[in-house]
Protein backbone atom coordinates (compact mmCIF):
# COMPACT_ATOMS: atom_id res chain seq x y z
CA MET A 1 -33.74 78.60 400.76
CA ASP A 2 -31.22 80.32 399.14
CA TRP A 3 -28.09 78.73 400.44
CA ALA A 4 -26.05 81.29 398.17
CA ASN A 5 -27.76 84.83 399.50
CA TYR A 6 -28.37 83.52 402.84
CA LEU A 7 -24.73 82.86 403.59
CA PHE A 8 -22.91 85.23 401.35
CA GLY A 9 -25.32 87.90 400.43
CA PHE A 10 -25.70 91.21 402.46
CA LYS A 11 -29.21 92.12 401.62
CA GLY A 12 -32.90 90.97 403.51
CA ARG A 13 -33.06 89.64 406.79
CA VAL A 14 -32.88 86.81 408.97
CA ASN A 15 -33.92 85.91 412.14
CA ARG A 16 -32.36 84.40 415.33
CA ALA A 17 -32.46 80.42 414.34
CA LYS A 18 -31.08 81.31 410.95
CA PHE A 19 -28.45 83.42 412.59
CA TRP A 20 -27.48 80.56 414.89
CA LEU A 21 -27.55 77.94 411.99
CA ALA A 22 -24.76 80.19 410.18
CA GLY A 23 -22.63 79.77 413.43
CA LEU A 24 -23.08 76.21 412.97
CA ILE A 25 -22.20 75.87 409.71
CA ILE A 26 -18.95 78.64 410.41
CA VAL A 27 -18.12 75.90 413.04
CA CYS A 28 -19.00 72.77 411.27
CA TRP A 29 -16.64 74.26 408.21
CA MET A 30 -13.95 75.13 410.81
CA ILE A 31 -13.60 71.39 412.10
CA PHE A 32 -13.65 69.64 408.66
CA LEU A 33 -10.94 72.00 407.27
CA ALA A 34 -8.70 71.70 410.41
CA ALA A 35 -9.03 68.01 409.94
CA LEU A 36 -7.95 68.11 406.20
CA VAL A 37 -5.04 70.26 407.13
CA ILE A 38 -3.78 67.98 410.05
CA SER A 39 -4.72 64.62 407.62
CA ALA A 40 -2.80 66.13 405.07
CA GLY A 41 0.17 66.92 407.46
CA LEU A 42 0.05 70.51 407.25
CA GLY A 43 -0.31 71.25 411.28
CA GLY A 44 2.99 72.26 412.06
CA LYS A 45 5.22 70.20 414.54
CA HIS A 46 2.46 69.45 416.98
CA GLY A 47 0.01 68.14 414.07
CA SER A 48 -2.49 70.41 415.22
CA PHE A 49 -4.25 73.26 413.74
CA GLY A 50 -7.55 75.52 414.22
CA PHE A 51 -9.32 78.82 413.58
CA ASN A 52 -9.73 81.36 415.71
CA VAL A 53 -11.49 84.67 415.90
CA ASP A 54 -8.24 86.41 416.74
CA ASP A 55 -6.52 85.15 413.05
CA ILE A 56 -8.83 87.87 411.56
CA PHE A 57 -7.26 90.78 413.56
CA ARG A 58 -3.58 89.22 413.36
CA ALA A 59 -3.99 90.27 409.80
CA PHE A 60 -3.67 93.95 411.08
CA ASP A 61 -0.96 93.58 413.28
CA PRO A 62 2.79 93.98 412.02
CA ASP A 63 4.10 91.51 415.12
CA SER A 64 2.34 88.70 413.73
CA TYR A 65 4.31 88.89 410.13
CA LYS A 66 7.65 88.42 411.73
CA SER A 67 7.18 84.83 412.93
CA LEU A 68 6.48 83.45 409.67
CA THR A 69 8.59 80.78 407.56
CA LEU A 70 8.20 79.22 404.36
CA ALA A 71 7.46 75.58 405.89
CA GLY A 72 4.46 77.27 407.30
CA LEU A 73 3.09 78.51 404.44
CA PRO A 74 0.75 76.15 403.14
CA ALA A 75 -1.18 75.75 406.54
CA LEU A 76 -1.10 79.92 406.39
CA LEU A 77 -2.15 79.87 403.31
CA VAL A 78 -5.32 77.52 404.35
CA LYS A 79 -5.90 79.33 407.55
CA ALA A 80 -5.97 82.81 405.53
CA SER A 81 -8.48 81.73 403.16
CA GLY A 82 -10.77 79.26 405.54
CA THR A 83 -10.57 82.72 408.07
CA VAL A 84 -11.74 85.30 404.80
CA LEU A 85 -14.75 82.45 404.08
CA PHE A 86 -15.88 82.42 407.80
CA VAL A 87 -15.54 86.36 408.43
CA TRP A 88 -17.39 86.95 405.29
CA VAL A 89 -20.23 84.62 406.02
CA TYR A 90 -20.29 85.74 409.76
CA VAL A 91 -20.46 89.53 408.61
CA ALA A 92 -23.26 88.72 406.09
CA VAL A 93 -25.53 86.79 408.23
CA SER A 94 -24.77 89.25 411.25
CA ILE A 95 -25.52 92.26 408.98
CA LYS A 96 -28.98 90.21 408.31
CA ARG A 97 -29.35 89.93 411.56
CA LEU A 98 -29.29 93.43 412.46
CA HIS A 99 -31.27 94.24 409.37
CA ASP A 100 -34.27 92.20 410.76
CA ARG A 101 -33.51 94.14 414.03
CA ASP A 102 -34.06 97.05 412.00
CA LYS A 103 -30.56 98.45 412.12
CA CYS A 104 -27.88 99.41 409.47
CA GLY A 105 -24.91 96.64 408.90
CA TRP A 106 -22.55 99.69 409.92
CA TRP A 107 -23.52 98.13 413.58
CA MET A 108 -21.02 95.59 413.01
CA VAL A 109 -18.29 98.44 413.72
CA PRO A 110 -18.75 98.66 417.47
CA PHE A 111 -20.15 95.13 417.77
CA PHE A 112 -17.54 93.16 416.13
CA ALA A 113 -14.09 95.14 414.77
CA ILE A 114 -13.57 97.47 418.08
CA PRO A 115 -13.33 94.39 420.17
CA GLY A 116 -11.67 92.78 418.40
CA LEU A 117 -9.01 95.24 417.39
CA MET A 118 -8.87 96.17 421.25
CA SER A 119 -8.31 92.51 421.68
CA GLN A 120 -5.17 92.24 419.70
CA PHE A 121 -3.87 95.30 420.60
CA SER A 122 -4.53 95.14 424.21
CA ASP A 123 -1.00 93.97 425.27
CA ARG A 124 0.64 96.84 424.18
CA LEU A 125 -1.17 99.57 425.67
CA PRO A 126 0.08 100.80 429.06
CA ASP A 127 -1.32 98.72 431.83
CA GLU A 128 -2.02 100.91 434.58
CA SER A 129 -3.86 103.45 432.81
CA TYR A 130 -7.18 104.82 433.59
CA TRP A 131 -8.14 105.92 430.19
CA VAL A 132 -6.98 101.97 429.15
CA MET A 133 -9.39 100.40 431.59
CA ALA A 134 -12.32 102.75 430.44
CA ALA A 135 -11.73 101.89 426.67
CA GLY A 136 -11.78 98.36 427.84
CA ALA A 137 -14.62 98.40 429.70
CA ILE A 138 -16.53 100.32 427.05
CA VAL A 139 -15.26 97.58 424.68
CA PHE A 140 -16.84 95.43 426.66
CA VAL A 141 -19.83 96.78 427.19
CA LEU A 142 -20.25 97.04 422.94
CA TYR A 143 -19.23 92.92 422.83
CA ILE A 144 -22.15 91.97 425.07
CA TRP A 145 -24.72 94.50 423.55
CA GLY A 146 -23.68 93.34 420.09
CA PHE A 147 -23.77 89.76 421.19
CA ILE A 148 -27.53 90.40 422.49
CA GLU A 149 -28.72 92.02 419.82
CA LEU A 150 -27.75 89.51 417.14
CA GLY A 151 -28.77 86.47 419.01
CA PHE A 152 -31.23 86.94 421.33
CA LEU A 153 -33.46 89.85 420.81
CA PRO A 154 -36.59 89.30 418.29
CA GLY A 155 -36.37 91.04 414.81
CA THR A 156 -39.18 93.73 413.98
CA SER A 157 -42.21 91.86 413.29
CA TYR A 158 -43.63 94.36 410.46
CA PRO A 159 -41.62 95.03 407.04
CA ASN A 160 -38.98 97.25 407.98
CA ARG A 161 -37.01 99.33 405.03
CA TYR A 162 -34.84 96.02 404.79
CA GLY A 163 -37.49 93.98 403.83
CA PRO A 164 -40.35 92.02 404.83
CA ASN A 165 -40.40 89.69 407.81
CA PRO A 166 -38.21 86.26 407.59
CA LEU A 167 -40.73 84.83 410.32
CA GLY A 168 -43.63 85.76 407.36
CA LYS A 169 -46.27 86.95 409.74
CA ILE A 170 -46.87 90.26 411.95
CA HIS A 171 -47.65 89.48 415.38
CA ALA A 172 -50.42 91.37 416.34
CA ARG A 173 -52.85 91.38 419.36
CA GLN A 174 -56.45 91.22 419.22
CA GLY A 175 -58.45 93.80 421.44
CA SER A 176 -57.56 97.16 422.63
CA GLY A 177 -57.73 98.76 426.36
CA ARG A 178 -56.89 97.37 429.47
CA ASP A 179 -59.82 94.75 430.07
CA SER A 180 -59.87 93.35 426.50
CA GLY A 181 -57.43 91.08 427.66
CA SER A 182 -54.85 91.05 425.01
CA ARG A 183 -53.19 88.26 424.44
CA PRO A 184 -50.58 87.36 421.03
CA THR A 185 -53.10 86.06 418.50
CA GLN A 186 -50.61 83.01 418.05
CA GLY A 187 -48.00 81.87 419.99
CA TRP A 188 -44.24 80.94 419.13
CA ASP A 189 -44.01 78.70 416.05
CA GLN A 190 -40.89 76.65 416.07
CA GLN A 191 -41.15 75.62 412.21
CA SER A 192 -41.59 79.45 410.84
CA GLU A 193 -38.45 80.18 413.20
CA LEU A 194 -36.55 77.43 411.54
CA GLU A 195 -37.65 78.61 408.09
């Protein structure tokens, strides 16, 4: 497997198993980097350090820069560089997963960017406004839709505009008509899902 293209490239398709594997790789990198920062003593007052999805969207929030100190600069640099790496890998693999579903990468805007920005700035919106509640419900639906689309729905079994089926086979049905007992020619093959 071409790991550089798999984790950092935006062209082609990946199946569900490779999407979940990329998520596992990102979590392992986060744990490893956080352990390095804590062992180097850069974890702050309480010796804690971690990565969060909200770190991505704090970069767009001017209020998050008010609490910066010179003492926290090394940890901030590690967090910023790690977050850029993790987001890049997540977006690259997610776009290839969308390609597997025969969708363009711009679907990451409603599935990832809009819910993240809404989460970051929701505390500054009026609490009892119906349009805010409606927007929150729409964003929640987009988030769930994206989660299901990326993580659970199978890709197209045929070559699409983004490339060939990453599983390498076309799931055809034998026979035709109602009485022919149409069944898939082959069941789910775990090995091909992992490759």
